[in-house]
Amino acid sequence: MQVVLEIDISRSTSTICELIGQSKNEITITNDRSDFTLLLKDLATFYKSYSQLQASILVDCKLF
């Protein structure tokens, strides 16, 4: 499964769209620490472990 995430931090909110098979779910979060933490936990459901998700984000952002 592929997860693609783009965030426009110039706005105060972000609209997140999850596409899983034929299912589409949209949510809006505020661009603050608490909502990003919730988003990270939600994204972690697509990975076997939280550390794999963290490593993937760090590599993709060229931070690791």
PDB file of N, CA and C in Angstrom:
ATOM      1  N   MET A   1       0.840  -1.169   0.000  1.00  0.00           N
ATOM      2  CA  MET A   1       0.000   0.000   0.000  1.00  0.00           C
ATOM      3  C   MET A   1       0.889   1.237   0.000  1.00  0.00           C
ATOM      4  N   GLN A   2       0.513   2.226  -0.782  1.00  0.00           N
ATOM      5  CA  GLN A   2       1.286   3.456  -0.879  1.00  0.00           C
ATOM      6  C   GLN A   2       0.557   4.570  -0.144  1.00  0.00           C
ATOM      7  N   VAL A   3       1.307   5.333   0.622  1.00  0.00           N
ATOM      8  CA  VAL A   3       0.759   6.480   1.337  1.00  0.00           C
ATOM      9  C   VAL A   3       1.460   7.724   0.817  1.00  0.00           C
ATOM     10  N   VAL A   4       0.679   8.704   0.368  1.00  0.00           N
ATOM     11  CA  VAL A   4       1.220   9.971  -0.122  1.00  0.00           C
ATOM     12  C   VAL A   4       0.651  11.075   0.752  1.00  0.00           C
ATOM     13  N   LEU A   5       1.523  11.949   1.224  1.00  0.00           N
ATOM     14  CA  LEU A   5       1.081  13.022   2.110  1.00  0.00           C
ATOM     15  C   LEU A   5       1.742  14.320   1.685  1.00  0.00           C
ATOM     16  N   GLU A   6       0.933  15.325   1.435  1.00  0.00           N
ATOM     17  CA  GLU A   6       1.427  16.668   1.158  1.00  0.00           C
ATOM     18  C   GLU A   6       0.702  17.620   2.090  1.00  0.00           C
ATOM     19  N   ILE A   7       1.439  18.545   2.673  1.00  0.00           N
ATOM     20  CA  ILE A   7       0.856  19.480   3.629  1.00  0.00           C
ATOM     21  C   ILE A   7       1.239  20.899   3.226  1.00  0.00           C
ATOM     22  N   ASP A   8       0.237  21.774   3.101  1.00  0.00           N
ATOM     23  CA  ASP A   8       0.461  23.184   2.810  1.00  0.00           C
ATOM     24  C   ASP A   8       0.461  23.925   4.144  1.00  0.00           C
ATOM     25  N   ILE A   9       1.643  24.220   4.656  1.00  0.00           N
ATOM     26  CA  ILE A   9       1.730  24.841   5.978  1.00  0.00           C
ATOM     27  C   ILE A   9       1.514  26.352   5.942  1.00  0.00           C
ATOM     28  N   SER A  10       1.261  26.908   4.763  1.00  0.00           N
ATOM     29  CA  SER A  10       0.987  28.341   4.684  1.00  0.00           C
ATOM     30  C   SER A  10      -0.449  28.659   5.093  1.00  0.00           C
ATOM     31  N   ARG A  11      -1.273  27.638   5.215  1.00  0.00           N
ATOM     32  CA  ARG A  11      -2.661  27.821   5.649  1.00  0.00           C
ATOM     33  C   ARG A  11      -2.798  27.412   7.106  1.00  0.00           C
ATOM     34  N   SER A  12      -3.913  27.775   7.715  1.00  0.00           N
ATOM     35  CA  SER A  12      -4.126  27.419   9.120  1.00  0.00           C
ATOM     36  C   SER A  12      -4.698  26.016   9.279  1.00  0.00           C
ATOM     37  N   THR A  13      -5.264  25.452   8.192  1.00  0.00           N
ATOM     38  CA  THR A  13      -5.808  24.093   8.237  1.00  0.00           C
ATOM     39  C   THR A  13      -5.343  23.306   7.016  1.00  0.00           C
ATOM     40  N   SER A  14      -5.427  21.994   7.114  1.00  0.00           N
ATOM     41  CA  SER A  14      -5.135  21.103   5.994  1.00  0.00           C
ATOM     42  C   SER A  14      -6.283  20.120   5.856  1.00  0.00           C
ATOM     43  N   THR A  15      -6.672  19.836   4.625  1.00  0.00           N
ATOM     44  CA  THR A  15      -7.676  18.817   4.361  1.00  0.00           C
ATOM     45  C   THR A  15      -6.942  17.549   3.962  1.00  0.00           C
ATOM     46  N   ILE A  16      -7.225  16.480   4.672  1.00  0.00           N
ATOM     47  CA  ILE A  16      -6.582  15.190   4.453  1.00  0.00           C
ATOM     48  C   ILE A  16      -7.595  14.273   3.776  1.00  0.00           C
ATOM     49  N   CYS A  17      -7.171  13.607   2.718  1.00  0.00           N
ATOM     50  CA  CYS A  17      -8.031  12.664   2.016  1.00  0.00           C
ATOM     51  C   CYS A  17      -7.366  11.293   2.043  1.00  0.00           C
ATOM     52  N   GLU A  18      -8.062  10.324   2.612  1.00  0.00           N
ATOM     53  CA  GLU A  18      -7.583   8.940   2.628  1.00  0.00           C
ATOM     54  C   GLU A  18      -8.333   8.173   1.542  1.00  0.00           C
ATOM     55  N   LEU A  19      -7.594   7.527   0.662  1.00  0.00           N
ATOM     56  CA  LEU A  19      -8.191   6.668  -0.352  1.00  0.00           C
ATOM     57  C   LEU A  19      -7.748   5.242  -0.073  1.00  0.00           C
ATOM     58  N   ILE A  20      -8.685   4.416   0.332  1.00  0.00           N
ATOM     59  CA  ILE A  20      -8.402   3.018   0.638  1.00  0.00           C
ATOM     60  C   ILE A  20      -9.339   2.185  -0.228  1.00  0.00           C
ATOM     61  N   GLY A  21      -8.780   1.603  -1.288  1.00  0.00           N
ATOM     62  CA  GLY A  21      -9.625   0.886  -2.238  1.00  0.00           C
ATOM     63  C   GLY A  21     -10.594   1.867  -2.881  1.00  0.00           C
ATOM     64  N   GLN A  22     -11.879   1.594  -2.797  1.00  0.00           N
ATOM     65  CA  GLN A  22     -12.908   2.484  -3.337  1.00  0.00           C
ATOM     66  C   GLN A  22     -13.430   3.460  -2.286  1.00  0.00           C
ATOM     67  N   SER A  23     -12.927   3.352  -1.065  1.00  0.00           N
ATOM     68  CA  SER A  23     -13.391   4.187   0.037  1.00  0.00           C
ATOM     69  C   SER A  23     -12.609   5.497   0.095  1.00  0.00           C
ATOM     70  N   LYS A  24     -13.322   6.598   0.269  1.00  0.00           N
ATOM     71  CA  LYS A  24     -12.698   7.916   0.363  1.00  0.00           C
ATOM     72  C   LYS A  24     -13.153   8.580   1.660  1.00  0.00           C
ATOM     73  N   ASN A  25     -12.200   9.065   2.440  1.00  0.00           N
ATOM     74  CA  ASN A  25     -12.505   9.729   3.699  1.00  0.00           C
ATOM     75  C   ASN A  25     -11.738  11.042   3.751  1.00  0.00           C
ATOM     76  N   GLU A  26     -12.438  12.153   3.974  1.00  0.00           N
ATOM     77  CA  GLU A  26     -11.794  13.455   4.089  1.00  0.00           C
ATOM     78  C   GLU A  26     -11.954  13.996   5.502  1.00  0.00           C
ATOM     79  N   ILE A  27     -10.861  14.529   6.036  1.00  0.00           N
ATOM     80  CA  ILE A  27     -10.899  15.193   7.332  1.00  0.00           C
ATOM     81  C   ILE A  27     -10.124  16.502   7.209  1.00  0.00           C
ATOM     82  N   THR A  28     -10.446  17.458   8.053  1.00  0.00           N
ATOM     83  CA  THR A  28      -9.716  18.721   8.101  1.00  0.00           C
ATOM     84  C   THR A  28      -9.066  18.839   9.464  1.00  0.00           C
ATOM     85  N   ILE A  29      -7.776  19.156   9.455  1.00  0.00           N
ATOM     86  CA  ILE A  29      -7.049  19.336  10.707  1.00  0.00           C
ATOM     87  C   ILE A  29      -6.472  20.744  10.745  1.00  0.00           C
ATOM     88  N   THR A  30      -6.232  21.229  11.944  1.00  0.00           N
ATOM     89  CA  THR A  30      -5.513  22.488  12.086  1.00  0.00           C
ATOM     90  C   THR A  30      -4.027  22.180  12.004  1.00  0.00           C
ATOM     91  N   ASN A  31      -3.260  23.112  11.512  1.00  0.00           N
ATOM     92  CA  ASN A  31      -1.820  22.899  11.367  1.00  0.00           C
ATOM     93  C   ASN A  31      -1.111  23.223  12.678  1.00  0.00           C
ATOM     94  N   ASP A  32      -1.416  22.419  13.679  1.00  0.00           N
ATOM     95  CA  ASP A  32      -0.760  22.577  14.973  1.00  0.00           C
ATOM     96  C   ASP A  32      -0.292  21.212  15.472  1.00  0.00           C
ATOM     97  N   ARG A  33       0.443  21.243  16.551  1.00  0.00           N
ATOM     98  CA  ARG A  33       1.065  20.021  17.074  1.00  0.00           C
ATOM     99  C   ARG A  33       0.044  18.938  17.425  1.00  0.00           C
ATOM    100  N   SER A  34      -1.053  19.302  18.058  1.00  0.00           N
ATOM    101  CA  SER A  34      -2.011  18.282  18.504  1.00  0.00           C
ATOM    102  C   SER A  34      -2.662  17.561  17.324  1.00  0.00           C
ATOM    103  N   ASP A  35      -3.064  18.297  16.295  1.00  0.00           N
ATOM    104  CA  ASP A  35      -3.686  17.631  15.144  1.00  0.00           C
ATOM    105  C   ASP A  35      -2.673  16.856  14.311  1.00  0.00           C
ATOM    106  N   PHE A  36      -1.426  17.349  14.218  1.00  0.00           N
ATOM    107  CA  PHE A  36      -0.403  16.583  13.507  1.00  0.00           C
ATOM    108  C   PHE A  36      -0.081  15.285  14.246  1.00  0.00           C
ATOM    109  N   THR A  37      -0.149  15.308  15.565  1.00  0.00           N
ATOM    110  CA  THR A  37       0.053  14.084  16.347  1.00  0.00           C
ATOM    111  C   THR A  37      -1.048  13.077  16.028  1.00  0.00           C
ATOM    112  N   LEU A  38      -2.289  13.542  15.946  1.00  0.00           N
ATOM    113  CA  LEU A  38      -3.397  12.652  15.575  1.00  0.00           C
ATOM    114  C   LEU A  38      -3.215  12.106  14.159  1.00  0.00           C
ATOM    115  N   LEU A  39      -2.770  12.954  13.239  1.00  0.00           N
ATOM    116  CA  LEU A  39      -2.523  12.510  11.868  1.00  0.00           C
ATOM    117  C   LEU A  39      -1.419  11.458  11.826  1.00  0.00           C
ATOM    118  N   LEU A  40      -0.365  11.674  12.578  1.00  0.00           N
ATOM    119  CA  LEU A  40       0.736  10.713  12.621  1.00  0.00           C
ATOM    120  C   LEU A  40       0.265   9.365  13.155  1.00  0.00           C
ATOM    121  N   LYS A  41      -0.576   9.378  14.181  1.00  0.00           N
ATOM    122  CA  LYS A  41      -1.123   8.124  14.719  1.00  0.00           C
ATOM    123  C   LYS A  41      -2.001   7.429  13.684  1.00  0.00           C
ATOM    124  N   ASP A  42      -2.782   8.214  12.935  1.00  0.00           N
ATOM    125  CA  ASP A  42      -3.631   7.642  11.890  1.00  0.00           C
ATOM    126  C   ASP A  42      -2.778   7.021  10.786  1.00  0.00           C
ATOM    127  N   LEU A  43      -1.720   7.719  10.374  1.00  0.00           N
ATOM    128  CA  LEU A  43      -0.824   7.181   9.346  1.00  0.00           C
ATOM    129  C   LEU A  43      -0.103   5.928   9.822  1.00  0.00           C
ATOM    130  N   ALA A  44       0.148   5.844  11.117  1.00  0.00           N
ATOM    131  CA  ALA A  44       0.852   4.685  11.672  1.00  0.00           C
ATOM    132  C   ALA A  44       0.066   3.393  11.467  1.00  0.00           C
ATOM    133  N   THR A  45      -1.242   3.484  11.240  1.00  0.00           N
ATOM    134  CA  THR A  45      -2.034   2.270  11.012  1.00  0.00           C
ATOM    135  C   THR A  45      -1.666   1.599   9.693  1.00  0.00           C
ATOM    136  N   PHE A  46      -0.984   2.320   8.792  1.00  0.00           N
ATOM    137  CA  PHE A  46      -0.575   1.754   7.514  1.00  0.00           C
ATOM    138  C   PHE A  46       0.805   1.110   7.579  1.00  0.00           C
ATOM    139  N   TYR A  47       1.450   1.182   8.708  1.00  0.00           N
ATOM    140  CA  TYR A  47       2.795   0.636   8.881  1.00  0.00           C
ATOM    141  C   TYR A  47       2.762  -0.398   9.991  1.00  0.00           C
ATOM    142  N   LYS A  48       3.707  -1.338   9.936  1.00  0.00           N
ATOM    143  CA  LYS A  48       3.746  -2.388  10.953  1.00  0.00           C
ATOM    144  C   LYS A  48       4.154  -1.845  12.312  1.00  0.00           C
ATOM    145  N   SER A  49       4.961  -0.815  12.311  1.00  0.00           N
ATOM    146  CA  SER A  49       5.366  -0.236  13.591  1.00  0.00           C
ATOM    147  C   SER A  49       5.528   1.265  13.450  1.00  0.00           C
ATOM    148  N   TYR A  50       5.385   1.947  14.554  1.00  0.00           N
ATOM    149  CA  TYR A  50       5.526   3.399  14.591  1.00  0.00           C
ATOM    150  C   TYR A  50       6.921   3.813  14.147  1.00  0.00           C
ATOM    151  N   SER A  51       7.938   3.031  14.496  1.00  0.00           N
ATOM    152  CA  SER A  51       9.310   3.382  14.126  1.00  0.00           C
ATOM    153  C   SER A  51       9.515   3.314  12.614  1.00  0.00           C
ATOM    154  N   GLN A  52       8.830   2.393  11.922  1.00  0.00           N
ATOM    155  CA  GLN A  52       8.918   2.333  10.460  1.00  0.00           C
ATOM    156  C   GLN A  52       8.344   3.598   9.840  1.00  0.00           C
ATOM    157  N   LEU A  53       7.247   4.090  10.393  1.00  0.00           N
ATOM    158  CA  LEU A  53       6.643   5.320   9.898  1.00  0.00           C
ATOM    159  C   LEU A  53       7.587   6.494  10.104  1.00  0.00           C
ATOM    160  N   GLN A  54       8.168   6.600  11.289  1.00  0.00           N
ATOM    161  CA  GLN A  54       9.108   7.687  11.563  1.00  0.00           C
ATOM    162  C   GLN A  54      10.295   7.630  10.613  1.00  0.00           C
ATOM    163  N   ALA A  55      10.842   6.446  10.407  1.00  0.00           N
ATOM    164  CA  ALA A  55      11.996   6.288   9.519  1.00  0.00           C
ATOM    165  C   ALA A  55      11.630   6.674   8.093  1.00  0.00           C
ATOM    166  N   SER A  56      10.451   6.285   7.645  1.00  0.00           N
ATOM    167  CA  SER A  56      10.006   6.617   6.298  1.00  0.00           C
ATOM    168  C   SER A  56       9.881   8.124   6.112  1.00  0.00           C
ATOM    169  N   ILE A  57       9.318   8.804   7.088  1.00  0.00           N
ATOM    170  CA  ILE A  57       9.170  10.264   7.007  1.00  0.00           C
ATOM    171  C   ILE A  57      10.538  10.933   6.996  1.00  0.00           C
ATOM    172  N   LEU A  58      11.435  10.485   7.847  1.00  0.00           N
ATOM    173  CA  LEU A  58      12.769  11.080   7.905  1.00  0.00           C
ATOM    174  C   LEU A  58      13.527  10.897   6.599  1.00  0.00           C
ATOM    175  N   VAL A  59      13.428   9.707   6.000  1.00  0.00           N
ATOM    176  CA  VAL A  59      14.121   9.437   4.739  1.00  0.00           C
ATOM    177  C   VAL A  59      13.499  10.260   3.614  1.00  0.00           C
ATOM    178  N   ASP A  60      12.172  10.275   3.538  1.00  0.00           N
ATOM    179  CA  ASP A  60      11.495  11.021   2.476  1.00  0.00           C
ATOM    180  C   ASP A  60      11.779  12.518   2.555  1.00  0.00           C
ATOM    181  N   CYS A  61      11.933  13.032   3.749  1.00  0.00           N
ATOM    182  CA  CYS A  61      12.210  14.466   3.933  1.00  0.00           C
ATOM    183  C   CYS A  61      13.705  14.761   3.906  1.00  0.00           C
ATOM    184  N   LYS A  62      14.497  13.721   3.655  1.00  0.00           N
ATOM    185  CA  LYS A  62      15.962  13.838   3.611  1.00  0.00           C
ATOM    186  C   LYS A  62      16.528  14.380   4.927  1.00  0.00           C
ATOM    187  N   LEU A  63      15.906  13.956   6.029  1.00  0.00           N
ATOM    188  CA  LEU A  63      16.371  14.346   7.355  1.00  0.00           C
ATOM    189  C   LEU A  63      17.222  13.261   7.994  1.00  0.00           C
ATOM    190  N   PHE A  64      17.342  12.116   7.299  1.00  0.00           N
ATOM    191  CA  PHE A  64      18.089  10.985   7.846  1.00  0.00           C
ATOM    192  C   PHE A  64      18.964  10.402   6.779  1.00  0.00           C
TER     193      PHE A  64
END
